[in-house]
Amino acid sequence: MIDLTRLNGVNFTVNCDLIESIEETPDTVVTLTTGKKLIVKESRQAIKNLVLSYKRKIYIERTALEEA
């Protein structure tokens, strides 16, 4: 799950596994696998970085549990 910001400044959390595509048109539009479109303040690259950080964190936690 990653935190994003709507254009009106409201923060919300989205399941990053549901992200199908991210476009900058010039606003950043996140399209989910459900077809829902979200317009957010973060750039495409910032969202990619958030997703990578989240996935990395999950992988590290899972690996630590398996080694314990």
Protein backbone atom coordinates (compact mmCIF):
# COMPACT_ATOMS: atom_id res chain seq x y z
CA MET A 1 0.00 0.00 0.00
CA ILE A 2 1.26 3.45 -0.86
CA ASP A 3 0.10 6.91 0.18
CA LEU A 4 -0.82 9.40 -2.54
CA THR A 5 -2.29 12.92 -2.59
CA ARG A 6 -5.34 14.06 -4.54
CA LEU A 7 -5.16 17.45 -6.26
CA ASN A 8 -7.30 18.93 -3.45
CA GLY A 9 -4.62 17.94 -0.90
CA VAL A 10 -6.42 14.94 0.59
CA ASN A 11 -4.11 12.00 1.31
CA PHE A 12 -5.26 8.44 0.65
CA THR A 13 -3.79 4.96 0.48
CA VAL A 14 -3.94 2.73 -2.58
CA ASN A 15 -3.05 -0.93 -3.08
CA CYS A 16 -0.10 -0.67 -5.48
CA ASP A 17 -0.84 -4.16 -6.83
CA LEU A 18 -3.97 -2.67 -8.42
CA ILE A 19 -2.06 -0.05 -10.44
CA GLU A 20 -2.34 -0.81 -14.14
CA SER A 21 -0.78 2.36 -15.57
CA ILE A 22 0.48 5.83 -14.67
CA GLU A 23 0.32 8.74 -17.13
CA GLU A 24 1.34 12.40 -16.95
CA THR A 25 -1.10 14.41 -19.07
CA PRO A 26 0.19 16.90 -17.50
CA ASP A 27 -1.66 15.86 -14.32
CA THR A 28 -0.64 12.43 -13.08
CA VAL A 29 -3.41 9.91 -13.77
CA VAL A 30 -3.21 6.51 -12.06
CA THR A 31 -5.41 3.86 -13.67
CA LEU A 32 -6.31 0.85 -11.55
CA THR A 33 -7.08 -2.64 -12.80
CA THR A 34 -10.71 -1.94 -11.86
CA GLY A 35 -10.81 0.84 -14.47
CA LYS A 36 -10.97 3.59 -11.83
CA LYS A 37 -8.79 6.61 -12.58
CA LEU A 38 -7.13 8.66 -9.84
CA ILE A 39 -5.63 12.12 -10.42
CA VAL A 40 -2.80 12.77 -7.99
CA LYS A 41 -0.12 15.36 -7.19
CA GLU A 42 2.81 12.94 -7.22
CA SER A 43 4.80 12.50 -10.43
CA ARG A 44 4.93 9.23 -12.33
CA GLN A 45 8.52 8.69 -11.19
CA ALA A 46 7.65 9.43 -7.55
CA ILE A 47 4.88 6.81 -7.67
CA LYS A 48 7.23 4.27 -9.24
CA ASN A 49 9.72 4.95 -6.43
CA LEU A 50 7.00 4.52 -3.77
CA VAL A 51 5.96 1.19 -5.28
CA LEU A 52 9.55 -0.04 -5.48
CA SER A 53 10.22 0.99 -1.87
CA TYR A 54 7.06 -0.76 -0.68
CA LYS A 55 7.84 -3.97 -2.60
CA ARG A 56 11.44 -3.92 -1.35
CA LYS A 57 10.23 -3.53 2.26
CA ILE A 58 7.80 -6.45 1.88
CA TYR A 59 10.52 -8.65 0.34
CA ILE A 60 12.99 -7.86 3.13
CA GLU A 61 10.39 -8.57 5.83
CA ARG A 62 9.39 -11.85 4.18
CA THR A 63 13.02 -12.94 3.82
CA ALA A 64 13.69 -12.13 7.49
CA LEU A 65 10.69 -14.22 8.57
CA GLU A 66 11.78 -17.17 6.45
CA GLU A 67 15.29 -17.06 7.91
CA ALA A 68 14.03 -16.91 11.51
